[in-house]
Protein backbone atom coordinates (compact mmCIF):
# COMPACT_ATOMS: atom_id res chain seq x y z
CA MET A 1 -40.89 -41.70 -20.88
CA ALA A 2 -37.57 -39.93 -20.26
CA LYS A 3 -37.01 -36.52 -21.78
CA ALA A 4 -34.60 -36.35 -24.67
CA PRO A 5 -31.42 -34.51 -23.68
CA LEU A 6 -31.05 -30.91 -24.76
CA ILE A 7 -28.17 -30.69 -27.22
CA LEU A 8 -26.96 -27.16 -27.90
CA THR A 9 -24.86 -26.26 -30.91
CA LYS A 10 -22.05 -23.71 -30.81
CA THR A 11 -24.37 -21.17 -32.45
CA GLU A 12 -27.08 -21.70 -29.84
CA ILE A 13 -24.58 -21.48 -26.99
CA THR A 14 -23.27 -18.22 -28.46
CA GLN A 15 -26.83 -16.84 -28.62
CA ILE A 16 -27.46 -17.86 -25.01
CA HIS A 17 -24.19 -16.31 -23.82
CA ARG A 18 -24.90 -13.10 -25.73
CA THR A 19 -28.35 -12.86 -24.13
CA LEU A 20 -26.95 -13.45 -20.63
CA LEU A 21 -24.21 -10.85 -21.13
CA GLN A 22 -26.63 -8.25 -22.45
CA MET A 23 -28.98 -8.83 -19.54
CA LEU A 24 -26.12 -8.52 -17.04
CA LYS A 25 -24.89 -5.30 -18.62
CA GLN A 26 -28.35 -3.72 -18.67
CA SER A 27 -29.35 -4.79 -15.18
CA GLU A 28 -25.92 -4.35 -13.58
CA ALA A 29 -26.27 -7.76 -11.92
CA LYS A 30 -23.26 -9.83 -10.87
CA CYS A 31 -23.94 -13.08 -12.73
CA ALA A 32 -26.52 -15.16 -14.55
CA ILE A 33 -26.87 -18.93 -14.66
CA LEU A 34 -29.11 -20.95 -16.95
CA VAL A 35 -30.22 -24.17 -15.25
CA ASP A 36 -32.22 -27.11 -16.58
CA ALA A 37 -34.97 -28.78 -14.54
CA ASP A 38 -32.65 -31.70 -13.76
CA GLY A 39 -30.25 -29.34 -11.98
CA LYS A 40 -27.55 -29.05 -14.61
CA CYS A 41 -25.87 -25.73 -15.34
CA LEU A 42 -26.40 -25.05 -19.06
CA ALA A 43 -24.62 -21.68 -19.22
CA LYS A 44 -23.17 -19.06 -16.92
CA LYS A 45 -21.85 -15.54 -17.34
CA GLY A 46 -20.54 -12.87 -15.03
CA PHE A 47 -18.68 -13.22 -11.75
CA THR A 48 -19.12 -16.94 -11.01
CA GLN A 49 -15.54 -17.83 -9.98
CA ASN A 50 -16.36 -17.97 -6.25
CA ILE A 51 -19.67 -19.80 -6.69
CA ASP A 52 -20.11 -23.56 -6.95
CA THR A 53 -22.48 -23.21 -9.90
CA ASP A 54 -23.06 -26.97 -10.18
CA ALA A 55 -24.26 -27.21 -6.57
CA LEU A 56 -26.28 -24.01 -6.96
CA ALA A 57 -27.92 -25.34 -10.14
CA ALA A 58 -29.00 -28.52 -8.34
CA LEU A 59 -30.44 -26.52 -5.45
CA ILE A 60 -32.28 -24.15 -7.80
CA ALA A 61 -33.89 -27.06 -9.64
CA GLY A 62 -34.89 -28.63 -6.32
CA SER A 63 -36.31 -25.34 -5.14
CA PHE A 64 -38.48 -25.04 -8.24
CA ALA A 65 -39.62 -28.65 -7.92
CA SER A 66 -40.79 -28.06 -4.34
CA THR A 67 -42.35 -24.74 -5.35
CA ARG A 68 -44.40 -26.54 -8.02
CA ALA A 69 -45.74 -28.83 -5.31
CA MET A 70 -46.60 -25.82 -3.12
CA ALA A 71 -48.34 -24.13 -6.06
CA ALA A 72 -50.47 -27.20 -6.63
CA LEU A 73 -51.49 -27.25 -2.94
CA VAL A 74 -52.83 -23.71 -3.15
CA GLY A 75 -54.52 -24.19 -6.52
CA GLU A 76 -51.92 -22.53 -8.75
CA SER A 77 -50.52 -24.19 -11.83
CA ASP A 78 -47.04 -22.86 -11.02
CA PHE A 79 -45.07 -20.04 -9.46
CA SER A 80 -42.76 -18.74 -12.15
CA VAL A 81 -40.57 -16.40 -10.08
CA LEU A 82 -38.63 -16.96 -6.85
CA PHE A 83 -36.70 -14.23 -5.05
CA HIS A 84 -34.24 -14.60 -2.19
CA GLN A 85 -32.99 -11.51 -0.42
CA GLY A 86 -29.78 -11.61 1.57
CA GLU A 87 -27.73 -9.02 3.43
CA LYS A 88 -25.35 -8.41 0.53
CA ASP A 89 -26.46 -10.58 -2.37
CA HIS A 90 -29.87 -11.44 -3.74
CA ILE A 91 -31.05 -14.20 -6.07
CA HIS A 92 -33.80 -13.80 -8.65
CA ASN A 93 -35.01 -17.04 -10.28
CA VAL A 94 -37.43 -17.06 -13.18
CA MET A 95 -38.76 -19.92 -15.27
CA VAL A 96 -37.73 -19.64 -18.91
CA ASP A 97 -39.91 -22.61 -19.88
CA ASN A 98 -41.04 -25.85 -18.20
CA ASP A 99 -37.52 -27.28 -18.36
CA THR A 100 -35.26 -24.26 -17.81
CA ILE A 101 -34.66 -21.65 -15.09
CA LEU A 102 -32.74 -18.38 -15.28
CA THR A 103 -30.96 -17.37 -12.08
CA VAL A 104 -29.59 -13.86 -11.62
CA ILE A 105 -27.41 -12.95 -8.64
CA PHE A 106 -27.13 -9.26 -7.82
CA ASP A 107 -26.22 -6.88 -5.02
CA ASP A 108 -27.25 -3.38 -3.94
CA ARG A 109 -25.62 -1.73 -6.95
CA THR A 110 -28.90 -2.40 -8.74
CA THR A 111 -32.55 -3.00 -7.82
CA ILE A 112 -34.89 -5.93 -8.04
CA GLY A 113 -36.96 -3.87 -10.48
CA MET A 114 -34.06 -3.53 -12.92
CA VAL A 115 -33.22 -7.22 -12.59
CA ARG A 116 -36.85 -8.25 -13.13
CA LEU A 117 -37.23 -5.97 -16.15
CA TYR A 118 -34.13 -7.18 -17.97
CA SER A 119 -34.59 -10.79 -16.85
CA LYS A 120 -38.03 -10.74 -18.42
CA GLU A 121 -36.56 -9.54 -21.74
CA GLY A 122 -33.71 -12.05 -21.50
CA THR A 123 -36.12 -14.86 -20.68
CA LYS A 124 -38.04 -14.23 -23.91
CA ALA A 125 -34.85 -14.39 -25.98
CA LEU A 126 -33.66 -17.54 -24.17
CA ARG A 127 -37.08 -19.18 -24.60
CA ASP A 128 -36.89 -18.56 -28.36
CA VAL A 129 -33.44 -20.16 -28.65
CA LEU A 130 -34.42 -23.17 -26.51
CA GLU A 131 -37.72 -23.66 -28.32
CA LYS A 132 -35.97 -23.73 -31.71
CA THR A 133 -33.38 -26.13 -30.33
CA ARG A 134 -36.01 -28.52 -29.00
CA GLN A 135 -37.91 -28.42 -32.31
CA LYS A 136 -34.77 -29.60 -34.09
CA ARG A 137 -34.46 -32.73 -31.95
CA MET A 138 -33.97 -35.91 -33.85
CA PRO A 139 -37.08 -38.14 -33.93
CA ALA A 140 -36.94 -41.02 -31.44
CA GLY A 141 -36.87 -43.69 -34.19
CA LYS A 142 -33.94 -42.01 -35.90
CA ARG A 143 -32.02 -41.88 -32.61
CA PHE A 144 -32.54 -45.62 -32.26
CA ASP A 145 -31.19 -46.21 -35.78
CA ILE A 146 -28.04 -44.23 -35.00
CA GLU A 147 -27.57 -46.03 -31.68
CA ALA A 148 -27.90 -49.40 -33.39
CA ASP A 149 -25.40 -48.34 -36.07
CA VAL A 150 -22.87 -47.21 -33.47
CA GLU A 151 -23.35 -50.43 -31.50
CA GLN A 152 -22.78 -52.49 -34.65
CA ARG A 153 -19.63 -50.55 -35.54
CA LEU A 154 -18.25 -51.01 -32.03
CA ASP A 155 -18.99 -54.73 -32.19
CA ASP A 156 -17.21 -54.94 -35.55
CA LEU A 157 -14.23 -53.04 -34.21
CA PHE A 158 -13.75 -55.05 -31.02
CA SER A 159 -14.81 -58.54 -32.13
CA SER A 160 -11.69 -59.59 -33.97
């Protein structure tokens, strides 16, 4: 069965953005991107102008999918953190929940320890927002009723 899409309200998006900004300020990282398991960018803050965040989000999701397979091969249920160290920039990825990943890009102005510390705090706040959002999802039967109603209205409108 397909997962129901995550629908964020303006209030929830504001909470997510506030959490990302606070984490960036505290950790002195360059940017933060919230990615869903399907590879969609849910939110981004910081210096992302020169980054193709859509492509990066897809690659991050793929990376976590392959990492889950590796974890299973060595008897782990999952690996929740991935770290990539470059010459100038570094990427810290952490699972927020089973369907969401937080990516933080940083350089040598800060340390992996600071990023991990504040990412951990940010992850808890993001998990709370996402959990509440998912609990508010409309029941599957109700979604079907709305879809049928919309379909009927469209038929009425265009079948003159």
